[in-house]
Amino acid sequence: MAKAKNHDEENKKENVDELKEDEKETGASNETNESVSEETNSEEDSSAAEIESLNNRLLRLQADFLNYKARTEKEKMSTYNSAVSDLLLDLLPVVDNLERALEADSSESHTYKEGVQMVYNQLMGILDKKGLKEVEALHKPFDHNVHYGVAFEESDEYEDGTVIDVLQKGYTVNERCIRPAMVRICRK
């Protein structure tokens, strides 16, 4: 009997030990659940922060690309306009010579003058499509931005600072002066 009593006591001790271990495990599992829950929350927070960071980078990258695109388009148009202006500037002496030929023709044959007039009109039509415009100068107030004064002349017919004669026509391309008009100016 003593053996049976000892055996019962040992079983009770084992059961108590098992209960204590279960409580420890349950407490540990609660702690583990809490730490897992905390880790999950911290992972969610870090994921949200990472997503927000990536979104911000994406927005900045898109803005940079749009700025780059606008800048290159502007540079392209500037280069094109510069090339057109340079070409038209090179063609202006041809226009001047055609105008002189039309003014100097004293032949009896009108076919020559008509031919030159047709060539002149065709050339001016092409240049006009590219944005070439003649600077209006005669009897206009002198404007140093589009006129180049080469002489002064006293005259009572015009106000002081008025252009009284155009020696060479001036031209603009798309509102940019490529050659100022050479003019004589009234002076009182």
N, C-alpha and C. Protein backbone atom coordinates (compact mmCIF):
# COMPACT_ATOMS: atom_id res chain seq x y z
N MET A 1 0.77 -1.17 0.00
CA MET A 1 0.00 0.00 0.00
C MET A 1 0.82 1.25 0.00
N ALA A 2 1.87 1.17 0.68
CA ALA A 2 2.74 2.32 0.71
C ALA A 2 3.24 2.63 -0.68
N LYS A 3 3.45 1.56 -1.44
CA LYS A 3 3.90 1.77 -2.79
C LYS A 3 2.81 2.45 -3.59
N ALA A 4 1.59 2.06 -3.41
CA ALA A 4 0.48 2.65 -4.15
C ALA A 4 0.31 4.09 -3.76
N LYS A 5 0.49 4.41 -2.51
CA LYS A 5 0.38 5.78 -2.07
C LYS A 5 1.46 6.63 -2.69
N ASN A 6 2.67 6.12 -2.70
CA ASN A 6 3.78 6.85 -3.32
C ASN A 6 3.51 7.07 -4.80
N HIS A 7 2.97 6.00 -5.39
CA HIS A 7 2.69 6.09 -6.83
C HIS A 7 1.64 7.16 -7.10
N ASP A 8 0.59 7.24 -6.26
CA ASP A 8 -0.44 8.26 -6.42
C ASP A 8 0.14 9.66 -6.23
N GLU A 9 1.00 9.78 -5.23
CA GLU A 9 1.62 11.08 -4.99
C GLU A 9 2.50 11.49 -6.16
N GLU A 10 3.21 10.52 -6.70
CA GLU A 10 4.06 10.82 -7.85
C GLU A 10 3.20 11.24 -9.04
N ASN A 11 2.07 10.56 -9.24
CA ASN A 11 1.16 10.91 -10.33
C ASN A 11 0.61 12.32 -10.14
N LYS A 12 0.26 12.63 -8.90
CA LYS A 12 -0.25 13.96 -8.61
C LYS A 12 0.82 15.01 -8.91
N LYS A 13 2.07 14.72 -8.49
CA LYS A 13 3.17 15.64 -8.75
C LYS A 13 3.37 15.81 -10.25
N GLU A 14 3.31 14.69 -10.94
CA GLU A 14 3.48 14.76 -12.39
C GLU A 14 2.37 15.60 -13.02
N ASN A 15 1.13 15.37 -12.53
CA ASN A 15 -0.01 16.15 -13.06
C ASN A 15 0.17 17.63 -12.76
N VAL A 16 0.63 17.94 -11.54
CA VAL A 16 0.86 19.34 -11.18
C VAL A 16 1.96 19.91 -12.06
N ASP A 17 3.01 19.15 -12.25
CA ASP A 17 4.11 19.61 -13.12
C ASP A 17 3.61 19.83 -14.55
N GLU A 18 2.78 18.89 -15.01
CA GLU A 18 2.23 19.03 -16.36
C GLU A 18 1.36 20.28 -16.46
N LEU A 19 0.55 20.54 -15.42
CA LEU A 19 -0.30 21.73 -15.41
C LEU A 19 0.57 22.99 -15.41
N LYS A 20 1.63 22.97 -14.62
CA LYS A 20 2.52 24.13 -14.58
C LYS A 20 3.16 24.34 -15.95
N GLU A 21 3.57 23.23 -16.57
CA GLU A 21 4.18 23.34 -17.90
C GLU A 21 3.16 23.86 -18.91
N ASP A 22 1.91 23.35 -18.80
CA ASP A 22 0.85 23.83 -19.70
C ASP A 22 0.62 25.33 -19.51
N GLU A 23 0.60 25.75 -18.25
CA GLU A 23 0.42 27.17 -17.98
C GLU A 23 1.57 27.98 -18.55
N LYS A 24 2.78 27.45 -18.38
CA LYS A 24 3.95 28.15 -18.93
C LYS A 24 3.83 28.24 -20.47
N GLU A 25 3.47 27.08 -21.06
CA GLU A 25 3.33 27.06 -22.52
C GLU A 25 2.23 28.00 -22.98
N THR A 26 1.10 28.00 -22.25
CA THR A 26 -0.01 28.87 -22.60
C THR A 26 0.42 30.32 -22.44
N GLY A 27 1.09 30.60 -21.36
CA GLY A 27 1.61 31.96 -21.16
C GLY A 27 2.61 32.31 -22.24
N ALA A 28 3.45 31.34 -22.55
CA ALA A 28 4.44 31.56 -23.60
C ALA A 28 3.75 31.71 -24.94
N SER A 29 2.71 30.91 -25.16
CA SER A 29 2.01 31.02 -26.44
C SER A 29 1.26 32.33 -26.50
N ASN A 30 0.73 32.80 -25.37
CA ASN A 30 0.10 34.12 -25.36
C ASN A 30 1.14 35.19 -25.67
N GLU A 31 2.30 35.03 -25.02
CA GLU A 31 3.38 35.97 -25.30
C GLU A 31 3.80 35.86 -26.75
N THR A 32 3.88 34.65 -27.26
CA THR A 32 4.24 34.42 -28.66
C THR A 32 3.19 35.04 -29.56
N ASN A 33 1.91 34.81 -29.23
CA ASN A 33 0.83 35.41 -30.03
C ASN A 33 0.94 36.92 -30.02
N GLU A 34 1.23 37.49 -28.83
CA GLU A 34 1.36 38.94 -28.73
C GLU A 34 2.56 39.42 -29.55
N SER A 35 3.68 38.68 -29.46
CA SER A 35 4.87 39.11 -30.21
C SER A 35 4.63 38.91 -31.71
N VAL A 36 3.93 37.85 -32.09
CA VAL A 36 3.60 37.64 -33.51
C VAL A 36 2.68 38.75 -33.97
N SER A 37 1.71 39.10 -33.13
CA SER A 37 0.80 40.18 -33.46
C SER A 37 1.55 41.49 -33.60
N GLU A 38 2.48 41.76 -32.67
CA GLU A 38 3.29 42.97 -32.75
C GLU A 38 4.16 42.96 -34.00
N GLU A 39 4.75 41.79 -34.32
CA GLU A 39 5.57 41.69 -35.52
C GLU A 39 4.72 41.93 -36.77
N THR A 40 3.51 41.39 -36.79
CA THR A 40 2.62 41.58 -37.93
C THR A 40 2.28 43.05 -38.09
N ASN A 41 1.95 43.72 -36.97
CA ASN A 41 1.65 45.15 -37.03
C ASN A 41 2.86 45.94 -37.50
N SER A 42 4.03 45.59 -36.98
CA SER A 42 5.23 46.32 -37.37
C SER A 42 5.55 46.06 -38.83
N GLU A 43 5.32 44.82 -39.31
CA GLU A 43 5.53 44.51 -40.72
C GLU A 43 4.55 45.29 -41.59
N GLU A 44 3.28 45.38 -41.15
CA GLU A 44 2.28 46.14 -41.90
C GLU A 44 2.66 47.62 -41.95
N ASP A 45 3.13 48.16 -40.82
CA ASP A 45 3.56 49.56 -40.78
C ASP A 45 4.74 49.79 -41.72
N SER A 46 5.72 48.89 -41.68
CA SER A 46 6.89 49.06 -42.54
C SER A 46 6.50 48.88 -44.01
N SER A 47 5.56 47.96 -44.29
CA SER A 47 5.10 47.77 -45.67
C SER A 47 4.37 49.02 -46.15
N ALA A 48 3.54 49.60 -45.32
CA ALA A 48 2.82 50.82 -45.70
C ALA A 48 3.80 51.97 -45.93
N ALA A 49 4.80 52.06 -45.07
CA ALA A 49 5.79 53.12 -45.22
C ALA A 49 6.59 52.91 -46.51
N GLU A 50 6.92 51.66 -46.80
CA GLU A 50 7.67 51.36 -48.03
C GLU A 50 6.82 51.66 -49.26
N ILE A 51 5.55 51.33 -49.22
CA ILE A 51 4.65 51.62 -50.35
C ILE A 51 4.54 53.12 -50.56
N GLU A 52 4.40 53.87 -49.48
CA GLU A 52 4.31 55.33 -49.59
C GLU A 52 5.61 55.91 -50.16
N SER A 53 6.74 55.38 -49.70
CA SER A 53 8.04 55.83 -50.22
C SER A 53 8.16 55.55 -51.71
N LEU A 54 7.75 54.36 -52.12
CA LEU A 54 7.81 54.01 -53.55
C LEU A 54 6.86 54.88 -54.38
N ASN A 55 5.67 55.17 -53.84
CA ASN A 55 4.74 56.06 -54.54
C ASN A 55 5.33 57.44 -54.72
N ASN A 56 5.97 57.96 -53.67
CA ASN A 56 6.60 59.28 -53.76
C ASN A 56 7.71 59.29 -54.81
N ARG A 57 8.51 58.23 -54.83
CA ARG A 57 9.57 58.13 -55.84
C ARG A 57 8.98 58.08 -57.24
N LEU A 58 7.91 57.34 -57.40
CA LEU A 58 7.25 57.23 -58.71
C LEU A 58 6.72 58.59 -59.15
N LEU A 59 6.10 59.33 -58.26
CA LEU A 59 5.57 60.65 -58.61
C LEU A 59 6.70 61.60 -58.99
N ARG A 60 7.79 61.56 -58.26
CA ARG A 60 8.94 62.42 -58.60
C ARG A 60 9.52 62.04 -59.96
N LEU A 61 9.61 60.75 -60.21
CA LEU A 61 10.13 60.27 -61.49
C LEU A 61 9.23 60.70 -62.65
N GLN A 62 7.93 60.61 -62.46
CA GLN A 62 6.99 61.06 -63.49
C GLN A 62 7.13 62.56 -63.74
N ALA A 63 7.25 63.34 -62.70
CA ALA A 63 7.41 64.79 -62.83
C ALA A 63 8.71 65.11 -63.56
N ASP A 64 9.79 64.41 -63.19
CA ASP A 64 11.07 64.63 -63.87
C ASP A 64 10.97 64.30 -65.35
N PHE A 65 10.27 63.23 -65.68
CA PHE A 65 10.12 62.84 -67.09
C PHE A 65 9.32 63.89 -67.86
N LEU A 66 8.24 64.38 -67.27
CA LEU A 66 7.44 65.40 -67.95
C LEU A 66 8.25 66.68 -68.15
N ASN A 67 9.04 67.07 -67.17
CA ASN A 67 9.91 68.24 -67.31
C ASN A 67 10.94 68.02 -68.41
N TYR A 68 11.52 66.84 -68.45
CA TYR A 68 12.50 66.50 -69.50
C TYR A 68 11.86 66.56 -70.87
N LYS A 69 10.68 66.01 -70.98
CA LYS A 69 9.97 65.99 -72.26
C LYS A 69 9.67 67.41 -72.74
N ALA A 70 9.20 68.26 -71.86
CA ALA A 70 8.89 69.65 -72.22
C ALA A 70 10.17 70.40 -72.60
N ARG A 71 11.24 70.16 -71.85
CA ARG A 71 12.50 70.85 -72.13
C ARG A 71 13.06 70.43 -73.49
N THR A 72 13.03 69.15 -73.81
CA THR A 72 13.56 68.69 -75.09
C THR A 72 12.70 69.19 -76.25
N GLU A 73 11.40 69.25 -76.05
CA GLU A 73 10.50 69.78 -77.10
C GLU A 73 10.81 71.26 -77.35
N LYS A 74 11.03 71.99 -76.28
CA LYS A 74 11.36 73.42 -76.41
C LYS A 74 12.70 73.59 -77.13
N GLU A 75 13.68 72.77 -76.77
CA GLU A 75 14.98 72.84 -77.43
C GLU A 75 14.88 72.48 -78.91
N LYS A 76 14.04 71.50 -79.22
CA LYS A 76 13.85 71.08 -80.60
C LYS A 76 13.23 72.21 -81.42
N MET A 77 12.23 72.87 -80.87
CA MET A 77 11.60 73.98 -81.58
C MET A 77 12.58 75.14 -81.74
N SER A 78 13.37 75.40 -80.74
CA SER A 78 14.37 76.47 -80.81
C SER A 78 15.39 76.18 -81.90
N THR A 79 15.85 74.95 -81.98
CA THR A 79 16.81 74.56 -83.00
C THR A 79 16.20 74.69 -84.39
N TYR A 80 14.95 74.24 -84.54
CA TYR A 80 14.27 74.33 -85.83
C TYR A 80 14.11 75.80 -86.24
N ASN A 81 13.64 76.64 -85.32
CA ASN A 81 13.45 78.06 -85.64
C ASN A 81 14.77 78.73 -85.99
N SER A 82 15.82 78.36 -85.31
CA SER A 82 17.14 78.92 -85.60
C SER A 82 17.61 78.52 -87.00
N ALA A 83 17.40 77.26 -87.36
CA ALA A 83 17.80 76.78 -88.69
C ALA A 83 17.00 77.49 -89.78
N VAL A 84 15.70 77.66 -89.57
CA VAL A 84 14.86 78.36 -90.55
C VAL A 84 15.32 79.81 -90.69
N SER A 85 15.58 80.47 -89.57
CA SER A 85 16.04 81.86 -89.61
C SER A 85 17.35 81.99 -90.37
N ASP A 86 18.28 81.07 -90.12
CA ASP A 86 19.57 81.12 -90.81
C ASP A 86 19.40 80.93 -92.32
N LEU A 87 18.56 80.00 -92.72
CA LEU A 87 18.32 79.76 -94.14
C LEU A 87 17.69 80.98 -94.80
N LEU A 88 16.68 81.53 -94.15
CA LEU A 88 16.01 82.70 -94.72
C LEU A 88 16.94 83.90 -94.80
N LEU A 89 17.79 84.05 -93.83
CA LEU A 89 18.77 85.14 -93.85
C LEU A 89 19.72 84.99 -95.05
N ASP A 90 20.08 83.75 -95.36
CA ASP A 90 20.94 83.50 -96.52
C ASP A 90 20.21 83.78 -97.84
N LEU A 91 18.90 83.64 -97.86
CA LEU A 91 18.13 83.88 -99.09
C LEU A 91 17.75 85.34 -99.31
N LEU A 92 17.89 86.17 -98.31
CA LEU A 92 17.49 87.57 -98.44
C LEU A 92 18.24 88.33 -99.54
N PRO A 93 19.54 88.11 -99.75
CA PRO A 93 20.19 88.78 -100.88
C PRO A 93 19.57 88.42 -102.24
N VAL A 94 19.10 87.19 -102.37
CA VAL A 94 18.42 86.79 -103.61
C VAL A 94 17.14 87.59 -103.77
N VAL A 95 16.39 87.75 -102.70
CA VAL A 95 15.16 88.54 -102.74
C VAL A 95 15.49 89.98 -103.11
N ASP A 96 16.53 90.54 -102.51
CA ASP A 96 16.93 91.92 -102.82
C ASP A 96 17.27 92.06 -104.30
N ASN A 97 18.01 91.11 -104.85
CA ASN A 97 18.40 91.19 -106.26
C ASN A 97 17.20 91.04 -107.19
N LEU A 98 16.25 90.19 -106.82
CA LEU A 98 15.04 90.07 -107.63
C LEU A 98 14.25 91.38 -107.62
N GLU A 99 14.16 92.00 -106.46
CA GLU A 99 13.46 93.29 -106.38
C GLU A 99 14.16 94.35 -107.22
N ARG A 100 15.49 94.36 -107.20
CA ARG A 100 16.24 95.33 -108.01
C ARG A 100 16.02 95.07 -109.50
N ALA A 101 15.96 93.79 -109.88
CA ALA A 101 15.73 93.44 -111.28
C ALA A 101 14.36 93.92 -111.72
N LEU A 102 13.37 93.80 -110.85
CA LEU A 102 12.02 94.25 -111.20
C LEU A 102 11.95 95.77 -111.34
N GLU A 103 12.67 96.47 -110.49
CA GLU A 103 12.67 97.93 -110.55
C GLU A 103 13.50 98.47 -111.71
N ALA A 104 14.56 97.79 -112.09
CA ALA A 104 15.47 98.30 -113.10
C ALA A 104 15.07 97.92 -114.53
N ASP A 105 14.12 97.04 -114.69
CA ASP A 105 13.75 96.58 -116.04
C ASP A 105 13.19 97.74 -116.86
N SER A 106 13.87 98.04 -117.95
CA SER A 106 13.40 99.08 -118.85
C SER A 106 13.22 98.54 -120.26
N SER A 107 13.18 97.22 -120.35
CA SER A 107 13.03 96.61 -121.68
C SER A 107 11.59 96.76 -122.16
N GLU A 108 11.46 96.67 -123.44
CA GLU A 108 10.12 96.79 -124.04
C GLU A 108 9.34 95.49 -123.87
N SER A 109 10.04 94.40 -123.71
CA SER A 109 9.39 93.10 -123.58
C SER A 109 8.90 92.92 -122.15
N HIS A 110 7.63 92.70 -122.01
CA HIS A 110 7.06 92.51 -120.67
C HIS A 110 7.18 91.06 -120.22
N THR A 111 7.53 90.17 -121.13
CA THR A 111 7.64 88.75 -120.74
C THR A 111 8.78 88.52 -119.77
N TYR A 112 9.89 89.23 -119.97
CA TYR A 112 11.03 89.11 -119.04
C TYR A 112 10.61 89.56 -117.65
N LYS A 113 9.99 90.71 -117.58
CA LYS A 113 9.57 91.25 -116.28
C LYS A 113 8.53 90.34 -115.64
N GLU A 114 7.61 89.83 -116.42
CA GLU A 114 6.59 88.91 -115.89
C GLU A 114 7.23 87.64 -115.35
N GLY A 115 8.25 87.13 -116.04
CA GLY A 115 8.95 85.92 -115.57
C GLY A 115 9.65 86.16 -114.26
N VAL A 116 10.35 87.28 -114.17
CA VAL A 116 11.04 87.61 -112.92
C VAL A 116 10.02 87.82 -111.80
N GLN A 117 8.90 88.48 -112.14
CA GLN A 117 7.85 88.71 -111.15
C GLN A 117 7.28 87.39 -110.64
N MET A 118 7.11 86.43 -111.52
CA MET A 118 6.59 85.12 -111.12
C MET A 118 7.57 84.40 -110.18
N VAL A 119 8.87 84.45 -110.52
CA VAL A 119 9.89 83.83 -109.67
C VAL A 119 9.90 84.50 -108.29
N TYR A 120 9.85 85.82 -108.32
CA TYR A 120 9.84 86.59 -107.07
C TYR A 120 8.62 86.23 -106.22
N ASN A 121 7.45 86.21 -106.83
CA ASN A 121 6.21 85.88 -106.09
C ASN A 121 6.26 84.46 -105.52
N GLN A 122 6.78 83.54 -106.30
CA GLN A 122 6.87 82.16 -105.83
C GLN A 122 7.83 82.05 -104.64
N LEU A 123 8.99 82.69 -104.75
CA LEU A 123 9.96 82.67 -103.66
C LEU A 123 9.38 83.32 -102.41
N MET A 124 8.74 84.46 -102.57
CA MET A 124 8.16 85.15 -101.41
C MET A 124 7.02 84.33 -100.78
N GLY A 125 6.28 83.61 -101.59
CA GLY A 125 5.23 82.73 -101.05
C GLY A 125 5.81 81.64 -100.16
N ILE A 126 6.90 81.05 -100.61
CA ILE A 126 7.56 79.99 -99.82
C ILE A 126 8.12 80.57 -98.52
N LEU A 127 8.78 81.73 -98.65
CA LEU A 127 9.36 82.35 -97.46
C LEU A 127 8.29 82.80 -96.47
N ASP A 128 7.16 83.25 -97.00
CA ASP A 128 6.05 83.65 -96.15
C ASP A 128 5.51 82.47 -95.35
N LYS A 129 5.44 81.30 -95.98
CA LYS A 129 4.98 80.09 -95.28
C LYS A 129 5.91 79.73 -94.13
N LYS A 130 7.19 80.06 -94.27
CA LYS A 130 8.16 79.76 -93.21
C LYS A 130 8.21 80.85 -92.14
N GLY A 131 7.37 81.89 -92.28
CA GLY A 131 7.27 82.90 -91.23
C GLY A 131 7.98 84.20 -91.52
N LEU A 132 8.50 84.40 -92.74
CA LEU A 132 9.20 85.63 -93.07
C LEU A 132 8.20 86.77 -93.28
N LYS A 133 8.43 87.87 -92.60
CA LYS A 133 7.59 89.07 -92.74
C LYS A 133 8.50 90.28 -92.93
N GLU A 134 8.05 91.19 -93.80
CA GLU A 134 8.80 92.41 -94.02
C GLU A 134 8.52 93.39 -92.88
N VAL A 135 9.57 94.08 -92.45
CA VAL A 135 9.43 95.09 -91.40
C VAL A 135 8.85 96.34 -92.03
N GLU A 136 7.74 96.81 -91.49
CA GLU A 136 7.17 98.07 -91.98
C GLU A 136 7.99 99.21 -91.42
N ALA A 137 8.52 100.04 -92.33
CA ALA A 137 9.41 101.08 -91.85
C ALA A 137 9.03 102.46 -92.39
N LEU A 138 8.68 102.56 -93.65
CA LEU A 138 8.46 103.86 -94.28
C LEU A 138 7.34 104.63 -93.59
N HIS A 139 7.66 105.87 -93.19
CA HIS A 139 6.75 106.80 -92.51
C HIS A 139 6.26 106.29 -91.16
N LYS A 140 7.02 105.41 -90.55
CA LYS A 140 6.73 104.90 -89.21
C LYS A 140 7.74 105.51 -88.23
N PRO A 141 7.39 105.58 -86.97
CA PRO A 141 8.37 106.05 -85.98
C PRO A 141 9.57 105.09 -85.92
N PHE A 142 10.75 105.64 -85.74
CA PHE A 142 11.96 104.83 -85.67
C PHE A 142 11.91 103.91 -84.46
N ASP A 143 12.20 102.63 -84.68
CA ASP A 143 12.24 101.63 -83.61
C ASP A 143 13.58 100.91 -83.71
N HIS A 144 14.42 101.13 -82.74
CA HIS A 144 15.77 100.55 -82.79
C HIS A 144 15.78 99.03 -82.78
N ASN A 145 14.67 98.40 -82.43
CA ASN A 145 14.61 96.93 -82.43
C ASN A 145 14.52 96.35 -83.83
N VAL A 146 13.92 97.09 -84.78
CA VAL A 146 13.74 96.56 -86.13
C VAL A 146 14.28 97.49 -87.22
N HIS A 147 14.78 98.66 -86.83
CA HIS A 147 15.33 99.61 -87.81
C HIS A 147 16.79 99.86 -87.50
N TYR A 148 17.55 100.10 -88.56
CA TYR A 148 18.96 100.45 -88.43
C TYR A 148 19.15 101.80 -89.10
N GLY A 149 19.27 102.83 -88.29
CA GLY A 149 19.41 104.18 -88.83
C GLY A 149 20.80 104.41 -89.37
N VAL A 150 20.89 104.82 -90.67
CA VAL A 150 22.20 105.05 -91.28
C VAL A 150 22.41 106.52 -91.62
N ALA A 151 21.32 107.31 -91.63
CA ALA A 151 21.48 108.73 -91.95
C ALA A 151 20.32 109.52 -91.36
N PHE A 152 20.60 110.79 -91.09
CA PHE A 152 19.57 111.73 -90.64
C PHE A 152 19.37 112.76 -91.74
N GLU A 153 18.14 113.22 -91.85
CA GLU A 153 17.85 114.24 -92.85
C GLU A 153 16.84 115.20 -92.26
N GLU A 154 17.07 116.47 -92.46
CA GLU A 154 16.11 117.46 -91.96
C GLU A 154 14.96 117.57 -92.95
N SER A 155 13.74 117.59 -92.39
CA SER A 155 12.56 117.69 -93.23
C SER A 155 11.43 118.28 -92.41
N ASP A 156 10.66 119.18 -93.07
CA ASP A 156 9.51 119.77 -92.40
C ASP A 156 8.25 118.94 -92.63
N GLU A 157 8.31 118.00 -93.55
CA GLU A 157 7.14 117.17 -93.90
C GLU A 157 6.81 116.14 -92.82
N TYR A 158 7.80 115.69 -92.09
CA TYR A 158 7.61 114.58 -91.14
C TYR A 158 8.00 115.02 -89.73
N GLU A 159 7.47 114.31 -88.78
CA GLU A 159 7.81 114.57 -87.37
C GLU A 159 9.22 114.05 -87.08
N ASP A 160 9.79 114.56 -86.03
CA ASP A 160 11.13 114.15 -85.62
C ASP A 160 11.11 112.66 -85.25
N GLY A 161 12.08 111.88 -85.75
CA GLY A 161 12.18 110.46 -85.43
C GLY A 161 11.37 109.57 -86.36
N THR A 162 10.83 110.11 -87.43
CA THR A 162 10.05 109.32 -88.39
C THR A 162 10.98 108.82 -89.50
N VAL A 163 10.78 107.60 -89.93
CA VAL A 163 11.55 107.02 -91.03
C VAL A 163 11.06 107.66 -92.33
N ILE A 164 11.98 108.28 -93.09
CA ILE A 164 11.57 108.95 -94.33
C ILE A 164 12.01 108.20 -95.58
N ASP A 165 12.94 107.25 -95.44
CA ASP A 165 13.38 106.48 -96.60
C ASP A 165 13.92 105.13 -96.14
N VAL A 166 13.60 104.09 -96.91
CA VAL A 166 14.10 102.74 -96.61
C VAL A 166 15.17 102.41 -97.64
N LEU A 167 16.39 102.21 -97.18
CA LEU A 167 17.50 101.88 -98.08
C LEU A 167 17.61 100.37 -98.32
N GLN A 168 17.27 99.59 -97.33
CA GLN A 168 17.24 98.13 -97.46
C GLN A 168 16.14 97.60 -96.55
N LYS A 169 15.30 96.73 -97.09
CA LYS A 169 14.19 96.19 -96.30
C LYS A 169 14.71 95.33 -95.16
N GLY A 170 13.94 95.35 -94.09
CA GLY A 170 14.23 94.49 -92.94
C GLY A 170 13.20 93.38 -92.87
N TYR A 171 13.56 92.28 -92.21
CA TYR A 171 12.66 91.13 -92.14
C TYR A 171 12.67 90.52 -90.74
N THR A 172 11.53 89.94 -90.40
CA THR A 172 11.40 89.17 -89.17
C THR A 172 10.96 87.75 -89.52
N VAL A 173 11.33 86.82 -88.68
CA VAL A 173 10.87 85.44 -88.81
C VAL A 173 10.23 85.07 -87.48
N ASN A 174 8.94 84.80 -87.53
CA ASN A 174 8.20 84.43 -86.31
C ASN A 174 8.45 85.43 -85.19
N GLU A 175 8.28 86.70 -85.49
CA GLU A 175 8.40 87.81 -84.55
C GLU A 175 9.84 88.08 -84.09
N ARG A 176 10.81 87.41 -84.67
CA ARG A 176 12.22 87.64 -84.32
C ARG A 176 12.90 88.34 -85.49
N CYS A 177 13.51 89.47 -85.22
CA CYS A 177 14.16 90.25 -86.27
C CYS A 177 15.45 89.55 -86.72
N ILE A 178 15.51 89.21 -88.03
CA ILE A 178 16.72 88.58 -88.54
C ILE A 178 17.58 89.57 -89.33
N ARG A 179 16.94 90.65 -89.82
CA ARG A 179 17.69 91.72 -90.47
C ARG A 179 16.92 93.02 -90.29
N PRO A 180 17.52 94.00 -89.61
CA PRO A 180 16.83 95.28 -89.44
C PRO A 180 16.80 96.06 -90.76
N ALA A 181 15.78 96.90 -90.91
CA ALA A 181 15.67 97.74 -92.11
C ALA A 181 16.66 98.89 -92.00
N MET A 182 17.42 99.14 -93.08
CA MET A 182 18.34 100.28 -93.11
C MET A 182 17.54 101.50 -93.54
N VAL A 183 17.51 102.51 -92.70
CA VAL A 183 16.61 103.63 -92.94
C VAL A 183 17.30 104.98 -92.75
N ARG A 184 16.68 106.01 -93.35
CA ARG A 184 17.03 107.39 -93.07
C ARG A 184 15.95 107.95 -92.19
N ILE A 185 16.35 108.79 -91.24
CA ILE A 185 15.43 109.26 -90.21
C ILE A 185 15.32 110.78 -90.30
N CYS A 186 14.09 111.28 -90.07
CA CYS A 186 13.86 112.72 -90.07
C CYS A 186 14.40 113.30 -88.78
N ARG A 187 15.03 114.47 -88.93
CA ARG A 187 15.58 115.15 -87.76
C ARG A 187 15.23 116.61 -87.87
N LYS A 188 14.80 117.21 -86.84
CA LYS A 188 14.43 118.63 -86.87
C LYS A 188 15.39 119.46 -86.09
